[in-house]
C-alpha atoms as a PDB file:
ATOM      1  CA  UNK A   1     177.525 138.567  71.110  1.00  0.00           C
ATOM      2  CA  UNK A   2     174.318 136.600  70.699  1.00  0.00           C
ATOM      3  CA  UNK A   3     173.040 139.123  68.156  1.00  0.00           C
ATOM      4  CA  UNK A   4     176.187 138.734  66.077  1.00  0.00           C
ATOM      5  CA  UNK A   5     175.871 134.963  66.245  1.00  0.00           C
ATOM      6  CA  UNK A   6     172.305 135.152  64.958  1.00  0.00           C
ATOM      7  CA  UNK A   7     173.335 137.519  62.167  1.00  0.00           C
ATOM      8  CA  UNK A   8     176.228 135.239  61.265  1.00  0.00           C
ATOM      9  CA  UNK A   9     174.022 132.154  61.176  1.00  0.00           C
ATOM     10  CA  UNK A  10     171.451 133.977  59.067  1.00  0.00           C
ATOM     11  CA  UNK A  11     174.095 135.175  56.619  1.00  0.00           C
ATOM     12  CA  UNK A  12     175.608 131.715  56.292  1.00  0.00           C
ATOM     13  CA  UNK A  13     172.137 130.247  55.806  1.00  0.00           C
ATOM     14  CA  UNK A  14     171.301 132.764  53.083  1.00  0.00           C
ATOM     15  CA  UNK A  15     174.519 132.028  51.188  1.00  0.00           C
ATOM     16  CA  UNK A  16     173.992 128.290  51.589  1.00  0.00           C
ATOM     17  CA  UNK A  17     170.452 128.645  50.256  1.00  0.00           C
ATOM     18  CA  UNK A  18     171.623 130.691  47.276  1.00  0.00           C
ATOM     19  CA  UNK A  19     174.386 128.191  46.586  1.00  0.00           C
ATOM     20  CA  UNK A  20     171.960 125.274  46.718  1.00  0.00           C
ATOM     21  CA  UNK A  21     169.577 126.947  44.278  1.00  0.00           C
ATOM     22  CA  UNK A  22     172.462 127.866  41.949  1.00  0.00           C
ATOM     23  CA  UNK A  23     173.753 124.299  42.036  1.00  0.00           C
ATOM     24  CA  UNK A  24     170.304 122.931  41.224  1.00  0.00           C
ATOM     25  CA  UNK A  25     169.930 125.424  38.367  1.00  0.00           C
ATOM     26  CA  UNK A  26     173.357 124.485  36.976  1.00  0.00           C
ATOM     27  CA  UNK A  27     172.416 120.810  37.104  1.00  0.00           C
ATOM     28  CA  UNK A  28     169.147 121.512  35.283  1.00  0.00           C
ATOM     29  CA  UNK A  29     170.892 123.612  32.614  1.00  0.00           C
ATOM     30  CA  UNK A  30     173.374 120.786  32.048  1.00  0.00           C
ATOM     31  CA  UNK A  31     170.537 118.398  31.213  1.00  0.00           C
ATOM     32  CA  UNK A  32     168.871 121.004  28.990  1.00  0.00           C
ATOM     33  CA  UNK A  33     172.129 121.700  27.129  1.00  0.00           C
ATOM     34  CA  UNK A  34     172.519 117.983  26.555  1.00  0.00           C
ATOM     35  CA  UNK A  35     168.921 117.834  25.238  1.00  0.00           C
ATOM     36  CA  UNK A  36     168.065 115.273  27.889  1.00  0.00           C
ATOM     37  CA  UNK A  37     164.510 116.568  28.129  1.00  0.00           C
ATOM     38  CA  UNK A  38     161.319 114.662  28.854  1.00  0.00           C
ATOM     39  CA  UNK A  39     159.102 116.261  26.229  1.00  0.00           C
ATOM     40  CA  UNK A  40     155.822 114.647  27.274  1.00  0.00           C
ATOM     41  CA  UNK A  41     156.298 115.596  30.925  1.00  0.00           C
ATOM     42  CA  UNK A  42     157.268 119.137  29.916  1.00  0.00           C
ATOM     43  CA  UNK A  43     154.055 119.501  27.895  1.00  0.00           C
ATOM     44  CA  UNK A  44     152.018 118.157  30.815  1.00  0.00           C
ATOM     45  CA  UNK A  45     153.657 120.660  33.159  1.00  0.00           C
ATOM     46  CA  UNK A  46     153.070 123.477  30.650  1.00  0.00           C
ATOM     47  CA  UNK A  47     149.365 122.698  30.845  1.00  0.00           C
ATOM     48  CA  UNK A  48     149.279 122.317  34.627  1.00  0.00           C
ATOM     49  CA  UNK A  49     151.469 125.302  35.473  1.00  0.00           C
ATOM     50  CA  UNK A  50     150.659 127.628  32.585  1.00  0.00           C
ATOM     51  CA  UNK A  51     147.277 126.974  31.017  1.00  0.00           C
ATOM     52  CA  UNK A  52     145.557 126.380  34.345  1.00  0.00           C
ATOM     53  CA  UNK A  53     146.892 129.734  35.590  1.00  0.00           C
ATOM     54  CA  UNK A  54     145.237 131.514  32.674  1.00  0.00           C
ATOM     55  CA  UNK A  55     142.020 132.549  34.400  1.00  0.00           C
ATOM     56  CA  UNK A  56     143.640 134.075  37.472  1.00  0.00           C
ATOM     57  CA  UNK A  57     146.195 135.970  35.351  1.00  0.00           C
ATOM     58  CA  UNK A  58     143.422 137.356  33.124  1.00  0.00           C
ATOM     59  CA  UNK A  59     141.294 138.483  36.071  1.00  0.00           C
ATOM     60  CA  UNK A  60     144.227 140.053  37.905  1.00  0.00           C
ATOM     61  CA  UNK A  61     145.537 141.949  34.880  1.00  0.00           C
ATOM     62  CA  UNK A  62     142.049 143.005  33.747  1.00  0.00           C
ATOM     63  CA  UNK A  63     141.063 144.640  37.022  1.00  0.00           C
ATOM     64  CA  UNK A  64     144.508 146.111  37.548  1.00  0.00           C
ATOM     65  CA  UNK A  65     144.387 147.788  34.148  1.00  0.00           C
ATOM     66  CA  UNK A  66     140.859 149.010  34.810  1.00  0.00           C
ATOM     67  CA  UNK A  67     141.773 150.462  38.197  1.00  0.00           C
ATOM     68  CA  UNK A  68     144.882 152.140  36.807  1.00  0.00           C
ATOM     69  CA  UNK A  69     142.867 153.684  33.987  1.00  0.00           C
ATOM     70  CA  UNK A  70     140.079 154.734  36.353  1.00  0.00           C
ATOM     71  CA  UNK A  71     142.519 156.546  38.633  1.00  0.00           C
ATOM     72  CA  UNK A  72     144.328 158.326  35.803  1.00  0.00           C
ATOM     73  CA  UNK A  73     141.721 159.008  33.098  1.00  0.00           C
ATOM     74  CA  UNK A  74     139.546 161.586  34.873  1.00  0.00           C
ATOM     75  CA  UNK A  75     142.575 163.463  36.166  1.00  0.00           C
ATOM     76  CA  UNK A  76     144.184 163.460  32.740  1.00  0.00           C
ATOM     77  CA  UNK A  77     141.036 164.800  31.080  1.00  0.00           C
ATOM     78  CA  UNK A  78     140.680 167.523  33.703  1.00  0.00           C
ATOM     79  CA  UNK A  79     144.207 168.704  32.859  1.00  0.00           C
ATOM     80  CA  UNK A  80     143.582 168.472  29.121  1.00  0.00           C
ATOM     81  CA  UNK A  81     145.892 165.521  28.462  1.00  0.00           C
ATOM     82  CA  UNK A  82     143.318 162.789  27.982  1.00  0.00           C
ATOM     83  CA  UNK A  83     145.074 161.704  24.817  1.00  0.00           C
ATOM     84  CA  UNK A  84     147.977 160.446  26.939  1.00  0.00           C
ATOM     85  CA  UNK A  85     146.000 157.937  29.016  1.00  0.00           C
ATOM     86  CA  UNK A  86     146.382 155.093  26.532  1.00  0.00           C
ATOM     87  CA  UNK A  87     150.128 155.537  26.459  1.00  0.00           C
ATOM     88  CA  UNK A  88     150.306 155.671  30.239  1.00  0.00           C
ATOM     89  CA  UNK A  89     148.339 152.442  30.683  1.00  0.00           C
ATOM     90  CA  UNK A  90     150.198 150.588  27.918  1.00  0.00           C
ATOM     91  CA  UNK A  91     153.569 151.879  29.087  1.00  0.00           C
ATOM     92  CA  UNK A  92     152.975 150.669  32.638  1.00  0.00           C
ATOM     93  CA  UNK A  93     151.486 147.349  31.541  1.00  0.00           C
ATOM     94  CA  UNK A  94     154.327 146.448  29.168  1.00  0.00           C
ATOM     95  CA  UNK A  95     157.140 147.431  31.518  1.00  0.00           C
ATOM     96  CA  UNK A  96     155.847 146.541  34.972  1.00  0.00           C
ATOM     97  CA  UNK A  97     152.269 145.380  35.497  1.00  0.00           C
ATOM     98  CA  UNK A  98     152.254 142.575  32.922  1.00  0.00           C
ATOM     99  CA  UNK A  99     155.530 140.871  33.840  1.00  0.00           C
ATOM    100  CA  UNK A 100     155.480 141.436  37.589  1.00  0.00           C
ATOM    101  CA  UNK A 101     151.817 140.813  38.374  1.00  0.00           C
ATOM    102  CA  UNK A 102     151.767 137.695  36.213  1.00  0.00           C
ATOM    103  CA  UNK A 103     154.874 136.421  37.990  1.00  0.00           C
ATOM    104  CA  UNK A 104     153.458 137.115  41.463  1.00  0.00           C
ATOM    105  CA  UNK A 105     150.176 135.380  40.640  1.00  0.00           C
ATOM    106  CA  UNK A 106     151.943 132.398  39.093  1.00  0.00           C
ATOM    107  CA  UNK A 107     154.353 132.212  42.045  1.00  0.00           C
ATOM    108  CA  UNK A 108     151.412 132.041  44.429  1.00  0.00           C
ATOM    109  CA  UNK A 109     149.781 129.241  42.485  1.00  0.00           C
ATOM    110  CA  UNK A 110     152.421 127.181  40.702  1.00  0.00           C
ATOM    111  CA  UNK A 111     155.335 127.856  43.044  1.00  0.00           C
ATOM    112  CA  UNK A 112     153.292 126.420  45.881  1.00  0.00           C
ATOM    113  CA  UNK A 113     152.188 123.495  43.715  1.00  0.00           C
ATOM    114  CA  UNK A 114     155.768 122.618  42.733  1.00  0.00           C
ATOM    115  CA  UNK A 115     157.030 122.774  46.315  1.00  0.00           C
ATOM    116  CA  UNK A 116     154.103 120.760  47.651  1.00  0.00           C
ATOM    117  CA  UNK A 117     154.368 118.072  44.967  1.00  0.00           C
ATOM    118  CA  UNK A 118     158.123 117.581  45.269  1.00  0.00           C
ATOM    119  CA  UNK A 119     157.962 117.868  49.046  1.00  0.00           C
ATOM    120  CA  UNK A 120     155.355 115.118  49.184  1.00  0.00           C
ATOM    121  CA  UNK A 121     157.570 112.943  46.991  1.00  0.00           C
ATOM    122  CA  UNK A 122     160.483 113.497  49.383  1.00  0.00           C
ATOM    123  CA  UNK A 123     158.370 112.649  52.437  1.00  0.00           C
ATOM    124  CA  UNK A 124     157.011 109.468  50.815  1.00  0.00           C
ATOM    125  CA  UNK A 125     160.547 108.471  49.714  1.00  0.00           C
ATOM    126  CA  UNK A 126     159.736 108.576  46.003  1.00  0.00           C
ATOM    127  CA  UNK A 127     162.851 110.699  45.383  1.00  0.00           C
ATOM    128  CA  UNK A 128     165.000 108.012  47.001  1.00  0.00           C
ATOM    129  CA  UNK A 129     163.290 105.424  44.787  1.00  0.00           C
ATOM    130  CA  UNK A 130     164.251 107.413  41.676  1.00  0.00           C
ATOM    131  CA  UNK A 131     167.845 107.687  42.852  1.00  0.00           C
ATOM    132  CA  UNK A 132     167.998 103.951  43.611  1.00  0.00           C
ATOM    133  CA  UNK A 133     166.993 103.304  39.992  1.00  0.00           C
ATOM    134  CA  UNK A 134     169.835 105.508  38.779  1.00  0.00           C
ATOM    135  CA  UNK A 135     167.512 108.327  37.684  1.00  0.00           C
ATOM    136  CA  UNK A 136     168.246 111.978  38.377  1.00  0.00           C
ATOM    137  CA  UNK A 137     165.474 113.837  40.230  1.00  0.00           C
ATOM    138  CA  UNK A 138     166.679 117.020  38.531  1.00  0.00           C
ATOM    139  CA  UNK A 139     166.154 115.609  35.048  1.00  0.00           C
ATOM    140  CA  UNK A 140     162.939 113.790  35.910  1.00  0.00           C
ATOM    141  CA  UNK A 141     161.240 116.499  37.968  1.00  0.00           C
ATOM    142  CA  UNK A 142     162.975 119.884  37.863  1.00  0.00           C
ATOM    143  CA  UNK A 143     163.818 120.277  34.158  1.00  0.00           C
ATOM    144  CA  UNK A 144     160.219 119.788  32.887  1.00  0.00           C
ATOM    145  CA  UNK A 145     158.878 122.359  35.347  1.00  0.00           C
ATOM    146  CA  UNK A 146     161.627 124.842  34.556  1.00  0.00           C
ATOM    147  CA  UNK A 147     161.126 124.612  30.792  1.00  0.00           C
ATOM    148  CA  UNK A 148     157.342 124.734  31.127  1.00  0.00           C
ATOM    149  CA  UNK A 149     157.434 127.957  33.136  1.00  0.00           C
ATOM    150  CA  UNK A 150     160.099 129.578  30.935  1.00  0.00           C
ATOM    151  CA  UNK A 151     157.816 129.039  27.936  1.00  0.00           C
ATOM    152  CA  UNK A 152     154.433 129.696  29.519  1.00  0.00           C
ATOM    153  CA  UNK A 153     155.082 132.731  31.742  1.00  0.00           C
ATOM    154  CA  UNK A 154     156.104 135.027  28.830  1.00  0.00           C
ATOM    155  CA  UNK A 155     152.964 133.931  26.976  1.00  0.00           C
ATOM    156  CA  UNK A 156     150.876 134.703  30.038  1.00  0.00           C
ATOM    157  CA  UNK A 157     152.635 138.073  30.266  1.00  0.00           C
ATOM    158  CA  UNK A 158     151.705 138.948  26.675  1.00  0.00           C
ATOM    159  CA  UNK A 159     148.094 138.058  27.428  1.00  0.00           C
ATOM    160  CA  UNK A 160     148.216 140.096  30.647  1.00  0.00           C
ATOM    161  CA  UNK A 161     149.533 143.121  28.726  1.00  0.00           C
ATOM    162  CA  UNK A 162     146.720 142.885  26.191  1.00  0.00           C
ATOM    163  CA  UNK A 163     143.992 142.355  28.781  1.00  0.00           C
ATOM    164  CA  UNK A 164     145.263 145.246  30.939  1.00  0.00           C
ATOM    165  CA  UNK A 165     145.251 147.613  27.963  1.00  0.00           C
ATOM    166  CA  UNK A 166     141.803 146.504  26.768  1.00  0.00           C
ATOM    167  CA  UNK A 167     140.363 146.850  30.281  1.00  0.00           C
ATOM    168  CA  UNK A 168     141.950 150.282  30.650  1.00  0.00           C
ATOM    169  CA  UNK A 169     140.603 151.346  27.263  1.00  0.00           C
ATOM    170  CA  UNK A 170     137.070 150.322  28.207  1.00  0.00           C
ATOM    171  CA  UNK A 171     137.174 152.211  31.519  1.00  0.00           C
ATOM    172  CA  UNK A 172     138.710 155.278  29.869  1.00  0.00           C
ATOM    173  CA  UNK A 173     135.913 155.299  27.300  1.00  0.00           C
ATOM    174  CA  UNK A 174     133.081 154.804  29.793  1.00  0.00           C
ATOM    175  CA  UNK A 175     134.201 157.132  32.593  1.00  0.00           C
ATOM    176  CA  UNK A 176     136.334 159.736  30.830  1.00  0.00           C
ATOM    177  CA  UNK A 177     134.841 159.547  27.308  1.00  0.00           C
ATOM    178  CA  UNK A 178     138.225 158.952  25.700  1.00  0.00           C
ATOM    179  CA  UNK A 179     137.778 157.459  22.248  1.00  0.00           C
ATOM    180  CA  UNK A 180     139.254 154.083  21.368  1.00  0.00           C
ATOM    181  CA  UNK A 181     141.176 155.645  18.472  1.00  0.00           C
ATOM    182  CA  UNK A 182     142.827 158.179  20.759  1.00  0.00           C
ATOM    183  CA  UNK A 183     143.622 155.518  23.360  1.00  0.00           C
ATOM    184  CA  UNK A 184     145.156 153.088  20.846  1.00  0.00           C
ATOM    185  CA  UNK A 185     147.137 155.818  19.061  1.00  0.00           C
ATOM    186  CA  UNK A 186     148.595 156.969  22.361  1.00  0.00           C
ATOM    187  CA  UNK A 187     149.437 153.394  23.375  1.00  0.00           C
ATOM    188  CA  UNK A 188     151.245 152.712  20.109  1.00  0.00           C
ATOM    189  CA  UNK A 189     153.251 155.910  20.359  1.00  0.00           C
ATOM    190  CA  UNK A 190     154.261 155.372  23.993  1.00  0.00           C
ATOM    191  CA  UNK A 191     155.396 151.730  23.896  1.00  0.00           C
ATOM    192  CA  UNK A 192     158.134 150.766  21.439  1.00  0.00           C
ATOM    193  CA  UNK A 193     158.541 147.097  20.627  1.00  0.00           C
ATOM    194  CA  UNK A 194     161.839 147.047  22.543  1.00  0.00           C
ATOM    195  CA  UNK A 195     159.956 147.746  25.779  1.00  0.00           C
ATOM    196  CA  UNK A 196     157.695 144.765  25.151  1.00  0.00           C
ATOM    197  CA  UNK A 197     160.703 142.516  24.556  1.00  0.00           C
ATOM    198  CA  UNK A 198     162.384 143.765  27.722  1.00  0.00           C
ATOM    199  CA  UNK A 199     159.218 143.034  29.683  1.00  0.00           C
ATOM    200  CA  UNK A 200     159.197 139.498  28.272  1.00  0.00           C
ATOM    201  CA  UNK A 201     162.840 139.073  29.260  1.00  0.00           C
ATOM    202  CA  UNK A 202     161.873 140.003  32.815  1.00  0.00           C
ATOM    203  CA  UNK A 203     159.167 137.352  32.740  1.00  0.00           C
ATOM    204  CA  UNK A 204     161.716 134.708  31.694  1.00  0.00           C
ATOM    205  CA  UNK A 205     163.890 135.615  34.690  1.00  0.00           C
ATOM    206  CA  UNK A 206     160.849 135.471  36.960  1.00  0.00           C
ATOM    207  CA  UNK A 207     159.935 132.048  35.553  1.00  0.00           C
ATOM    208  CA  UNK A 208     163.391 130.704  36.433  1.00  0.00           C
ATOM    209  CA  UNK A 209     163.052 132.104  39.952  1.00  0.00           C
ATOM    210  CA  UNK A 210     159.640 130.527  40.521  1.00  0.00           C
ATOM    211  CA  UNK A 211     160.612 127.123  39.138  1.00  0.00           C
ATOM    212  CA  UNK A 212     163.949 126.876  40.927  1.00  0.00           C
ATOM    213  CA  UNK A 213     162.787 128.177  44.307  1.00  0.00           C
ATOM    214  CA  UNK A 214     159.748 125.894  44.258  1.00  0.00           C
ATOM    215  CA  UNK A 215     161.832 122.884  43.233  1.00  0.00           C
ATOM    216  CA  UNK A 216     164.599 123.561  45.741  1.00  0.00           C
ATOM    217  CA  UNK A 217     162.169 124.095  48.602  1.00  0.00           C
ATOM    218  CA  UNK A 218     160.349 120.913  47.692  1.00  0.00           C
ATOM    219  CA  UNK A 219     163.497 118.800  47.419  1.00  0.00           C
ATOM    220  CA  UNK A 220     164.752 120.140  50.779  1.00  0.00           C
ATOM    221  CA  UNK A 221     161.557 119.199  52.613  1.00  0.00           C
ATOM    222  CA  UNK A 222     162.051 117.509  55.948  1.00  0.00           C
ATOM    223  CA  UNK A 223     159.679 116.588  58.755  1.00  0.00           C
ATOM    224  CA  UNK A 224     156.639 114.949  57.200  1.00  0.00           C
ATOM    225  CA  UNK A 225     153.397 116.765  56.442  1.00  0.00           C
ATOM    226  CA  UNK A 226     154.368 119.784  58.535  1.00  0.00           C
ATOM    227  CA  UNK A 227     157.578 120.062  56.534  1.00  0.00           C
ATOM    228  CA  UNK A 228     155.589 120.076  53.294  1.00  0.00           C
ATOM    229  CA  UNK A 229     153.537 122.997  54.583  1.00  0.00           C
ATOM    230  CA  UNK A 230     156.655 124.915  55.573  1.00  0.00           C
ATOM    231  CA  UNK A 231     158.290 124.222  52.207  1.00  0.00           C
ATOM    232  CA  UNK A 232     155.207 125.429  50.347  1.00  0.00           C
ATOM    233  CA  UNK A 233     154.959 128.637  52.357  1.00  0.00           C
ATOM    234  CA  UNK A 234     158.675 129.253  52.046  1.00  0.00           C
ATOM    235  CA  UNK A 235     158.585 128.758  48.288  1.00  0.00           C
ATOM    236  CA  UNK A 236     155.825 131.333  47.790  1.00  0.00           C
ATOM    237  CA  UNK A 237     157.281 133.935  50.143  1.00  0.00           C
ATOM    238  CA  UNK A 238     160.832 133.600  48.847  1.00  0.00           C
ATOM    239  CA  UNK A 239     159.733 133.648  45.201  1.00  0.00           C
ATOM    240  CA  UNK A 240     157.661 136.808  45.614  1.00  0.00           C
ATOM    241  CA  UNK A 241     160.432 138.608  47.504  1.00  0.00           C
ATOM    242  CA  UNK A 242     162.977 137.685  44.820  1.00  0.00           C
ATOM    243  CA  UNK A 243     160.570 138.737  42.065  1.00  0.00           C
ATOM    244  CA  UNK A 244     160.298 142.222  43.560  1.00  0.00           C
ATOM    245  CA  UNK A 245     164.055 142.440  44.080  1.00  0.00           C
ATOM    246  CA  UNK A 246     164.923 141.273  40.588  1.00  0.00           C
ATOM    247  CA  UNK A 247     162.192 143.473  39.122  1.00  0.00           C
ATOM    248  CA  UNK A 248     163.908 146.545  40.549  1.00  0.00           C
ATOM    249  CA  UNK A 249     167.342 145.379  39.398  1.00  0.00           C
ATOM    250  CA  UNK A 250     166.138 144.507  35.891  1.00  0.00           C
ATOM    251  CA  UNK A 251     164.178 147.745  35.566  1.00  0.00           C
ATOM    252  CA  UNK A 252     167.299 149.692  36.524  1.00  0.00           C
ATOM    253  CA  UNK A 253     169.439 147.801  33.997  1.00  0.00           C
ATOM    254  CA  UNK A 254     166.925 147.644  31.150  1.00  0.00           C
ATOM    255  CA  UNK A 255     165.106 150.970  31.521  1.00  0.00           C
ATOM    256  CA  UNK A 256     167.401 153.064  33.702  1.00  0.00           C
ATOM    257  CA  UNK A 257     168.818 155.053  30.801  1.00  0.00           C
ATOM    258  CA  UNK A 258     165.520 155.543  28.954  1.00  0.00           C
END
């Protein structure tokens, strides 16, 4: 019976968590629909959450593209299909590597930052001060971070796609002697523009996940400094798990028939 009680409590907790996040998202969307947006704060968050994540996204996507090309180029040449390497790298980058790796990296950096910042504000009673002044924490804190990530993560994904392909092209040329013309021609033929747009749509979904999980975890912080640490860890872990889950679901819906 104790096992069933634990399972029941866990299930109720999961549904309560999902409901809390959905309620917070609905509240944020209501402010966005009413154009009650703090533009200056949104631009500041776009710089902090997006621009400052640029270097780690570039490095991650560059070496991932290089490794992927290194593993596939020599094998492809040995089987006489070296002209397909560019398409393989670009295809994988546009559909999976660009959106998902960028989201995971950003979740590790900005998701933790959002949870820690909002959690610290809860612990120091700054959230209560906003509410006592009649200001909504959702409008003041959550909406700018949500909009900033929804705009910046797709841009980071485009950059990650380009860097992955360029890194793969360089490795393919150095180690497998595949010409740049052959690599680029194969990449263009293998990746229609629709695939790029679908990858960007995935990045928008991932941005919503990161922003909302980080904000919800931060606003639910309890227990002082230790609670801030737990909220930060929980935000990163939960965001990454949901990114992988939604990546599978979106890939099935968007690319399952192609």
